[in-house]
Amino acid sequence: MDTDHILLALIGAGTSFVVFCLMRFPQTRRPQFQPYGPFSLASSFLSAVLILLLSALTVYAHAVWN
């Protein structure tokens, strides 16, 4: 695995974690979006998994392209 694949995977994992935290914990959002409250645990988890799968697909596509 090249360093660019590792970097893409780390960025995807970090983005997935940030998406989960922003959806689940409203105090981490911007003040204008805090009144909406937390999303359900299932929707937060599924969104984070979707981002993680998209990043894994990106890493795979990049590996196949090169």
N, C-alpha and C. Protein backbone atom coordinates (compact mmCIF):
# COMPACT_ATOMS: atom_id res chain seq x y z
N MET A 1 0.83 -1.18 0.00
CA MET A 1 0.00 0.00 0.00
C MET A 1 0.87 1.24 0.00
N ASP A 2 0.60 2.14 -0.88
CA ASP A 2 1.35 3.39 -0.94
C ASP A 2 0.90 4.35 0.15
N THR A 3 1.69 5.37 0.35
CA THR A 3 1.35 6.35 1.38
C THR A 3 0.09 7.12 1.01
N ASP A 4 -0.17 7.32 -0.28
CA ASP A 4 -1.40 8.02 -0.65
C ASP A 4 -2.65 7.20 -0.36
N HIS A 5 -2.55 5.87 -0.46
CA HIS A 5 -3.68 5.03 -0.08
C HIS A 5 -3.92 5.10 1.43
N ILE A 6 -2.86 5.09 2.18
CA ILE A 6 -2.99 5.18 3.64
C ILE A 6 -3.58 6.52 4.04
N LEU A 7 -3.13 7.58 3.38
CA LEU A 7 -3.65 8.91 3.68
C LEU A 7 -5.12 9.01 3.34
N LEU A 8 -5.52 8.47 2.20
CA LEU A 8 -6.94 8.47 1.84
C LEU A 8 -7.77 7.68 2.85
N ALA A 9 -7.27 6.55 3.30
CA ALA A 9 -7.99 5.74 4.28
C ALA A 9 -8.11 6.47 5.62
N LEU A 10 -7.04 7.14 6.05
CA LEU A 10 -7.10 7.88 7.31
C LEU A 10 -8.04 9.07 7.23
N ILE A 11 -8.05 9.76 6.11
CA ILE A 11 -8.98 10.88 5.93
C ILE A 11 -10.42 10.37 5.95
N GLY A 12 -10.68 9.25 5.31
CA GLY A 12 -12.02 8.67 5.31
C GLY A 12 -12.47 8.25 6.70
N ALA A 13 -11.57 7.63 7.46
CA ALA A 13 -11.91 7.21 8.81
C ALA A 13 -12.15 8.42 9.71
N GLY A 14 -11.34 9.45 9.56
CA GLY A 14 -11.53 10.67 10.34
C GLY A 14 -12.83 11.36 9.99
N THR A 15 -13.16 11.41 8.71
CA THR A 15 -14.41 12.02 8.27
C THR A 15 -15.61 11.24 8.80
N SER A 16 -15.51 9.94 8.80
CA SER A 16 -16.59 9.11 9.32
C SER A 16 -16.81 9.38 10.81
N PHE A 17 -15.73 9.50 11.56
CA PHE A 17 -15.84 9.80 12.99
C PHE A 17 -16.45 11.18 13.23
N VAL A 18 -16.04 12.16 12.45
CA VAL A 18 -16.57 13.52 12.59
C VAL A 18 -18.06 13.56 12.25
N VAL A 19 -18.46 12.85 11.21
CA VAL A 19 -19.88 12.80 10.85
C VAL A 19 -20.69 12.19 11.98
N PHE A 20 -20.21 11.11 12.56
CA PHE A 20 -20.94 10.49 13.67
C PHE A 20 -21.07 11.45 14.84
N CYS A 21 -19.98 12.12 15.21
CA CYS A 21 -20.02 13.04 16.35
C CYS A 21 -20.92 14.23 16.08
N LEU A 22 -20.88 14.77 14.88
CA LEU A 22 -21.72 15.93 14.57
C LEU A 22 -23.20 15.56 14.55
N MET A 23 -23.51 14.36 14.10
CA MET A 23 -24.91 13.96 14.07
C MET A 23 -25.43 13.58 15.45
N ARG A 24 -24.59 12.96 16.24
CA ARG A 24 -25.04 12.43 17.52
C ARG A 24 -24.99 13.45 18.65
N PHE A 25 -24.03 14.35 18.64
CA PHE A 25 -23.85 15.30 19.74
C PHE A 25 -24.05 16.72 19.24
N PRO A 26 -25.23 17.30 19.48
CA PRO A 26 -25.53 18.62 18.93
C PRO A 26 -24.66 19.75 19.50
N GLN A 27 -24.06 19.57 20.66
CA GLN A 27 -23.23 20.63 21.24
C GLN A 27 -21.93 20.84 20.45
N THR A 28 -21.59 19.90 19.55
CA THR A 28 -20.38 20.06 18.74
C THR A 28 -20.67 20.80 17.44
N ARG A 29 -21.94 21.05 17.15
CA ARG A 29 -22.31 21.73 15.91
C ARG A 29 -22.19 23.24 16.07
N ARG A 30 -22.33 23.93 14.95
CA ARG A 30 -22.38 25.38 14.98
C ARG A 30 -23.63 25.82 15.73
N PRO A 31 -23.60 27.00 16.34
CA PRO A 31 -24.75 27.44 17.15
C PRO A 31 -26.07 27.47 16.39
N GLN A 32 -26.05 27.78 15.12
CA GLN A 32 -27.30 27.85 14.36
C GLN A 32 -27.93 26.49 14.12
N PHE A 33 -27.16 25.42 14.24
CA PHE A 33 -27.69 24.07 14.02
C PHE A 33 -27.88 23.29 15.32
N GLN A 34 -27.53 23.83 16.45
CA GLN A 34 -27.66 23.13 17.72
C GLN A 34 -29.11 22.90 18.14
N PRO A 35 -30.06 23.77 17.83
CA PRO A 35 -31.43 23.54 18.30
C PRO A 35 -32.11 22.30 17.73
N TYR A 36 -31.56 21.71 16.68
CA TYR A 36 -32.23 20.57 16.05
C TYR A 36 -32.14 19.29 16.85
N GLY A 37 -31.24 19.20 17.78
CA GLY A 37 -31.14 18.02 18.62
C GLY A 37 -30.37 16.89 17.96
N PRO A 38 -30.10 15.83 18.71
CA PRO A 38 -29.31 14.72 18.17
C PRO A 38 -30.13 13.83 17.24
N PHE A 39 -29.44 13.25 16.28
CA PHE A 39 -30.06 12.24 15.43
C PHE A 39 -30.09 10.92 16.21
N SER A 40 -30.82 9.96 15.71
CA SER A 40 -30.86 8.67 16.38
C SER A 40 -29.51 7.99 16.25
N LEU A 41 -29.27 7.05 17.13
CA LEU A 41 -28.01 6.31 17.11
C LEU A 41 -27.88 5.51 15.81
N ALA A 42 -29.00 4.95 15.35
CA ALA A 42 -28.96 4.16 14.12
C ALA A 42 -28.62 5.02 12.91
N SER A 43 -29.24 6.18 12.78
CA SER A 43 -28.97 7.02 11.62
C SER A 43 -27.56 7.59 11.68
N SER A 44 -27.07 7.92 12.86
CA SER A 44 -25.71 8.42 12.99
C SER A 44 -24.70 7.34 12.62
N PHE A 45 -24.93 6.13 13.11
CA PHE A 45 -24.03 5.02 12.81
C PHE A 45 -24.05 4.66 11.33
N LEU A 46 -25.25 4.61 10.74
CA LEU A 46 -25.34 4.25 9.32
C LEU A 46 -24.71 5.31 8.43
N SER A 47 -24.85 6.57 8.79
CA SER A 47 -24.19 7.63 8.02
C SER A 47 -22.68 7.52 8.11
N ALA A 48 -22.17 7.23 9.29
CA ALA A 48 -20.73 7.07 9.46
C ALA A 48 -20.22 5.86 8.68
N VAL A 49 -20.97 4.79 8.69
CA VAL A 49 -20.57 3.59 7.93
C VAL A 49 -20.62 3.87 6.43
N LEU A 50 -21.60 4.62 5.99
CA LEU A 50 -21.69 4.96 4.57
C LEU A 50 -20.48 5.79 4.14
N ILE A 51 -20.09 6.76 4.94
CA ILE A 51 -18.90 7.56 4.63
C ILE A 51 -17.66 6.67 4.62
N LEU A 52 -17.56 5.76 5.57
CA LEU A 52 -16.41 4.86 5.62
C LEU A 52 -16.37 3.94 4.40
N LEU A 53 -17.50 3.44 3.97
CA LEU A 53 -17.54 2.59 2.78
C LEU A 53 -17.20 3.38 1.52
N LEU A 54 -17.66 4.62 1.42
CA LEU A 54 -17.32 5.45 0.28
C LEU A 54 -15.82 5.74 0.24
N SER A 55 -15.23 5.95 1.39
CA SER A 55 -13.79 6.20 1.41
C SER A 55 -13.02 4.92 1.06
N ALA A 56 -13.51 3.77 1.51
CA ALA A 56 -12.86 2.50 1.13
C ALA A 56 -12.98 2.26 -0.37
N LEU A 57 -14.12 2.60 -0.94
CA LEU A 57 -14.30 2.48 -2.39
C LEU A 57 -13.37 3.43 -3.13
N THR A 58 -13.17 4.62 -2.59
CA THR A 58 -12.24 5.57 -3.20
C THR A 58 -10.81 5.04 -3.16
N VAL A 59 -10.42 4.47 -2.04
CA VAL A 59 -9.07 3.90 -1.94
C VAL A 59 -8.92 2.74 -2.92
N TYR A 60 -9.92 1.90 -3.04
CA TYR A 60 -9.86 0.78 -3.97
C TYR A 60 -9.79 1.27 -5.42
N ALA A 61 -10.62 2.27 -5.74
CA ALA A 61 -10.61 2.82 -7.11
C ALA A 61 -9.26 3.46 -7.43
N HIS A 62 -8.67 4.11 -6.45
CA HIS A 62 -7.37 4.73 -6.66
C HIS A 62 -6.29 3.66 -6.86
N ALA A 63 -6.39 2.58 -6.14
CA ALA A 63 -5.43 1.48 -6.29
C ALA A 63 -5.57 0.81 -7.65
N VAL A 64 -6.79 0.65 -8.12
CA VAL A 64 -7.02 0.02 -9.42
C VAL A 64 -6.57 0.96 -10.54
N TRP A 65 -6.80 2.24 -10.37
CA TRP A 65 -6.43 3.22 -11.39
C TRP A 65 -4.94 3.25 -11.62
N ASN A 66 -4.18 3.13 -10.51
CA ASN A 66 -2.72 3.15 -10.63
C ASN A 66 -2.27 1.76 -10.90
